N, C-alpha and C. Protein backbone atom coordinates (compact mmCIF):
# COMPACT_ATOMS: atom_id res chain seq x y z
N MET A 1 0.83 -1.19 0.00
CA MET A 1 0.00 0.00 0.00
C MET A 1 0.88 1.26 0.00
N PHE A 2 1.91 1.26 0.83
CA PHE A 2 2.79 2.43 0.91
C PHE A 2 3.47 2.70 -0.43
N LEU A 3 3.93 1.63 -1.10
CA LEU A 3 4.58 1.79 -2.40
C LEU A 3 3.61 2.34 -3.43
N TYR A 4 2.36 1.94 -3.36
CA TYR A 4 1.35 2.45 -4.27
C TYR A 4 1.16 3.95 -4.08
N ILE A 5 1.14 4.39 -2.84
CA ILE A 5 1.00 5.83 -2.55
C ILE A 5 2.20 6.59 -3.08
N LEU A 6 3.39 6.06 -2.90
CA LEU A 6 4.59 6.71 -3.44
C LEU A 6 4.52 6.80 -4.96
N TYR A 7 4.02 5.75 -5.60
CA TYR A 7 3.87 5.74 -7.05
C TYR A 7 2.90 6.84 -7.50
N ILE A 8 1.78 6.97 -6.81
CA ILE A 8 0.78 7.99 -7.14
C ILE A 8 1.38 9.39 -6.99
N VAL A 9 2.12 9.62 -5.92
CA VAL A 9 2.75 10.93 -5.70
C VAL A 9 3.77 11.22 -6.80
N ARG A 10 4.56 10.21 -7.18
CA ARG A 10 5.57 10.40 -8.22
C ARG A 10 4.91 10.76 -9.55
N VAL A 11 3.89 10.00 -9.92
CA VAL A 11 3.20 10.25 -11.19
C VAL A 11 2.55 11.62 -11.16
N ASP A 12 1.96 11.99 -10.04
CA ASP A 12 1.31 13.30 -9.92
C ASP A 12 2.34 14.42 -10.08
N ASN A 13 3.50 14.28 -9.46
CA ASN A 13 4.53 15.32 -9.58
C ASN A 13 5.07 15.41 -11.00
N GLU A 14 5.20 14.28 -11.68
CA GLU A 14 5.64 14.30 -13.08
C GLU A 14 4.61 15.03 -13.94
N LYS A 15 3.33 14.79 -13.69
CA LYS A 15 2.27 15.48 -14.44
C LYS A 15 2.31 16.97 -14.16
N ARG A 16 2.54 17.35 -12.91
CA ARG A 16 2.61 18.77 -12.54
C ARG A 16 3.77 19.45 -13.26
N ILE A 17 4.92 18.77 -13.34
CA ILE A 17 6.08 19.33 -14.03
C ILE A 17 5.77 19.48 -15.51
N LEU A 18 5.17 18.47 -16.13
CA LEU A 18 4.82 18.55 -17.55
C LEU A 18 3.84 19.69 -17.82
N GLU A 19 2.82 19.82 -16.98
CA GLU A 19 1.85 20.90 -17.16
C GLU A 19 2.52 22.27 -17.05
N LEU A 20 3.42 22.40 -16.09
CA LEU A 20 4.14 23.67 -15.92
C LEU A 20 4.98 23.98 -17.15
N LEU A 21 5.66 22.97 -17.69
CA LEU A 21 6.48 23.19 -18.88
C LEU A 21 5.61 23.50 -20.10
N LYS A 22 4.42 22.90 -20.17
CA LYS A 22 3.49 23.20 -21.27
C LYS A 22 3.05 24.66 -21.20
N GLU A 23 2.86 25.17 -19.99
CA GLU A 23 2.42 26.56 -19.79
C GLU A 23 3.54 27.56 -20.01
N ASN A 24 4.78 27.10 -20.09
CA ASN A 24 5.94 27.98 -20.23
C ASN A 24 6.81 27.52 -21.39
N PRO A 25 6.39 27.80 -22.62
CA PRO A 25 7.12 27.31 -23.79
C PRO A 25 8.53 27.89 -23.93
N GLN A 26 8.84 28.96 -23.19
CA GLN A 26 10.18 29.54 -23.25
C GLN A 26 11.19 28.70 -22.48
N GLY A 27 10.70 27.68 -21.75
CA GLY A 27 11.57 26.82 -20.97
C GLY A 27 11.74 27.33 -19.55
N LEU A 28 12.04 26.43 -18.64
CA LEU A 28 12.24 26.78 -17.24
C LEU A 28 13.49 26.08 -16.70
N THR A 29 14.15 26.75 -15.78
CA THR A 29 15.28 26.14 -15.10
C THR A 29 14.76 25.23 -13.98
N ILE A 30 15.63 24.42 -13.45
CA ILE A 30 15.26 23.54 -12.34
C ILE A 30 14.83 24.38 -11.14
N THR A 31 15.54 25.46 -10.88
CA THR A 31 15.19 26.34 -9.75
C THR A 31 13.79 26.91 -9.91
N GLN A 32 13.45 27.34 -11.12
CA GLN A 32 12.11 27.89 -11.37
C GLN A 32 11.03 26.83 -11.15
N ILE A 33 11.29 25.62 -11.60
CA ILE A 33 10.33 24.53 -11.40
C ILE A 33 10.15 24.25 -9.91
N CYS A 34 11.26 24.19 -9.18
CA CYS A 34 11.20 23.95 -7.73
C CYS A 34 10.35 25.01 -7.04
N TYR A 35 10.60 26.26 -7.37
CA TYR A 35 9.92 27.38 -6.72
C TYR A 35 8.42 27.35 -7.03
N ARG A 36 8.09 27.16 -8.29
CA ARG A 36 6.68 27.23 -8.70
C ARG A 36 5.85 26.05 -8.21
N LEU A 37 6.47 24.90 -8.06
CA LEU A 37 5.72 23.71 -7.62
C LEU A 37 5.97 23.36 -6.16
N ASN A 38 6.85 24.12 -5.51
CA ASN A 38 7.18 23.87 -4.11
C ASN A 38 7.68 22.43 -3.90
N LEU A 39 8.63 22.04 -4.75
CA LEU A 39 9.23 20.72 -4.66
C LEU A 39 10.73 20.86 -4.39
N HIS A 40 11.30 19.87 -3.75
CA HIS A 40 12.73 19.86 -3.46
C HIS A 40 13.51 19.66 -4.76
N ARG A 41 14.68 20.27 -4.83
CA ARG A 41 15.52 20.22 -6.04
C ARG A 41 15.83 18.78 -6.47
N VAL A 42 16.17 17.92 -5.53
CA VAL A 42 16.50 16.54 -5.86
C VAL A 42 15.29 15.84 -6.47
N SER A 43 14.10 16.09 -5.94
CA SER A 43 12.88 15.49 -6.50
C SER A 43 12.67 15.94 -7.93
N VAL A 44 12.84 17.23 -8.18
CA VAL A 44 12.66 17.76 -9.53
C VAL A 44 13.68 17.14 -10.47
N LEU A 45 14.93 17.04 -10.03
CA LEU A 45 15.96 16.42 -10.87
C LEU A 45 15.61 14.98 -11.24
N LEU A 46 15.14 14.21 -10.27
CA LEU A 46 14.76 12.82 -10.53
C LEU A 46 13.59 12.73 -11.50
N HIS A 47 12.57 13.57 -11.28
CA HIS A 47 11.41 13.56 -12.17
C HIS A 47 11.80 13.99 -13.58
N LEU A 48 12.62 15.03 -13.69
CA LEU A 48 13.05 15.48 -15.01
C LEU A 48 13.84 14.39 -15.73
N HIS A 49 14.70 13.70 -15.00
CA HIS A 49 15.48 12.62 -15.61
C HIS A 49 14.54 11.56 -16.22
N LYS A 50 13.49 11.20 -15.48
CA LYS A 50 12.53 10.21 -15.99
C LYS A 50 11.78 10.75 -17.19
N LEU A 51 11.36 12.02 -17.14
CA LEU A 51 10.62 12.61 -18.25
C LEU A 51 11.49 12.76 -19.49
N ILE A 52 12.76 13.05 -19.29
CA ILE A 52 13.70 13.15 -20.42
C ILE A 52 13.89 11.76 -21.03
N SER A 53 14.05 10.74 -20.19
CA SER A 53 14.26 9.38 -20.71
C SER A 53 13.01 8.86 -21.43
N LYS A 54 11.83 9.36 -21.07
CA LYS A 54 10.59 8.98 -21.75
C LYS A 54 10.39 9.78 -23.04
N GLY A 55 11.24 10.78 -23.26
CA GLY A 55 11.12 11.60 -24.46
C GLY A 55 10.08 12.69 -24.38
N LEU A 56 9.65 13.04 -23.17
CA LEU A 56 8.62 14.07 -23.00
C LEU A 56 9.19 15.45 -22.75
N VAL A 57 10.43 15.51 -22.29
CA VAL A 57 11.08 16.78 -21.94
C VAL A 57 12.44 16.82 -22.62
N ILE A 58 12.80 18.02 -23.06
CA ILE A 58 14.12 18.26 -23.64
C ILE A 58 14.84 19.26 -22.74
N GLN A 59 16.11 18.98 -22.46
CA GLN A 59 16.91 19.87 -21.62
C GLN A 59 18.05 20.42 -22.46
N ARG A 60 18.23 21.74 -22.39
CA ARG A 60 19.28 22.39 -23.17
C ARG A 60 20.08 23.32 -22.27
N GLU A 61 21.41 23.24 -22.38
CA GLU A 61 22.27 24.13 -21.60
C GLU A 61 22.33 25.49 -22.27
N VAL A 62 22.03 26.51 -21.49
CA VAL A 62 22.09 27.89 -21.97
C VAL A 62 22.97 28.64 -20.97
N GLY A 63 24.23 28.83 -21.32
CA GLY A 63 25.17 29.41 -20.37
C GLY A 63 25.32 28.46 -19.20
N PRO A 64 25.26 28.99 -17.97
CA PRO A 64 25.42 28.14 -16.80
C PRO A 64 24.14 27.39 -16.42
N ALA A 65 23.01 27.76 -17.05
CA ALA A 65 21.72 27.15 -16.69
C ALA A 65 21.33 26.06 -17.67
N LYS A 66 20.41 25.21 -17.22
CA LYS A 66 19.81 24.20 -18.09
C LYS A 66 18.33 24.52 -18.18
N LEU A 67 17.88 24.82 -19.40
CA LEU A 67 16.46 25.08 -19.61
C LEU A 67 15.77 23.78 -19.98
N ASN A 68 14.59 23.59 -19.41
CA ASN A 68 13.80 22.40 -19.66
C ASN A 68 12.55 22.80 -20.43
N TYR A 69 12.26 22.04 -21.48
CA TYR A 69 11.13 22.33 -22.35
C TYR A 69 10.25 21.09 -22.46
N TYR A 70 8.93 21.32 -22.57
CA TYR A 70 8.04 20.25 -22.99
C TYR A 70 8.39 19.99 -24.45
N LYS A 71 8.57 18.75 -24.82
CA LYS A 71 9.13 18.41 -26.14
C LYS A 71 8.40 19.08 -27.29
N ASN A 72 7.08 19.13 -27.26
CA ASN A 72 6.33 19.72 -28.37
C ASN A 72 6.46 21.24 -28.44
N HIS A 73 6.95 21.88 -27.38
CA HIS A 73 7.12 23.33 -27.38
C HIS A 73 8.56 23.75 -27.62
N PHE A 74 9.46 22.79 -27.70
CA PHE A 74 10.87 23.11 -27.93
C PHE A 74 11.00 23.71 -29.32
N PRO A 75 11.59 24.92 -29.44
CA PRO A 75 11.69 25.57 -30.75
C PRO A 75 12.34 24.64 -31.78
N SER A 76 11.71 24.52 -32.95
CA SER A 76 12.16 23.55 -33.95
C SER A 76 13.60 23.80 -34.38
N LYS A 77 14.02 25.06 -34.50
CA LYS A 77 15.40 25.36 -34.88
C LYS A 77 16.37 24.81 -33.83
N LEU A 78 16.05 25.04 -32.56
CA LEU A 78 16.90 24.53 -31.48
C LEU A 78 16.85 23.01 -31.43
N ARG A 79 15.69 22.41 -31.73
CA ARG A 79 15.57 20.95 -31.73
C ARG A 79 16.53 20.36 -32.75
N LYS A 80 16.59 20.96 -33.95
CA LYS A 80 17.48 20.47 -35.00
C LYS A 80 18.94 20.61 -34.56
N GLU A 81 19.29 21.77 -33.99
CA GLU A 81 20.66 21.98 -33.51
C GLU A 81 21.01 20.95 -32.44
N SER A 82 20.09 20.70 -31.54
CA SER A 82 20.33 19.75 -30.46
C SER A 82 20.54 18.34 -31.02
N GLU A 83 19.74 17.95 -32.01
CA GLU A 83 19.89 16.63 -32.62
C GLU A 83 21.22 16.53 -33.36
N ASP A 84 21.63 17.62 -34.04
CA ASP A 84 22.92 17.63 -34.73
C ASP A 84 24.07 17.49 -33.75
N GLU A 85 23.99 18.19 -32.60
CA GLU A 85 25.02 18.10 -31.57
C GLU A 85 25.11 16.67 -31.04
N LYS A 86 23.96 16.05 -30.82
CA LYS A 86 23.93 14.68 -30.30
C LYS A 86 24.61 13.73 -31.28
N ARG A 87 24.30 13.86 -32.57
CA ARG A 87 24.92 13.00 -33.57
C ARG A 87 26.43 13.21 -33.60
N THR A 88 26.87 14.46 -33.48
CA THR A 88 28.30 14.76 -33.49
C THR A 88 28.99 14.07 -32.33
N TRP A 89 28.40 14.14 -31.13
CA TRP A 89 29.01 13.50 -29.96
C TRP A 89 28.99 11.99 -30.08
N GLU A 90 27.96 11.44 -30.73
CA GLU A 90 27.90 9.98 -30.90
C GLU A 90 28.98 9.51 -31.88
N GLU A 91 29.33 10.36 -32.84
CA GLU A 91 30.34 9.99 -33.83
C GLU A 91 31.75 10.02 -33.26
N ILE A 92 31.95 10.82 -32.24
CA ILE A 92 33.30 10.98 -31.65
C ILE A 92 33.70 9.76 -30.87
């Protein structure tokens, strides 16, 4: 029963993060997500990692920050650049 409750909380927090990213197509930093959802930084990092691995969120480094985007809102020009960078690193 306890594990089921933890699962529900995890899924709910992932949905909250996705909804927040959908509402902010310009992207958000981890700190902004933490502040707006009142979640601990480590929790947000874990949820983002899962959402990125599921292909629902894209993370891009912009200077010292990492901006997180809902995949469908990620600017297409940046998406292409990001895919090109990934291919380059895979070739090395």
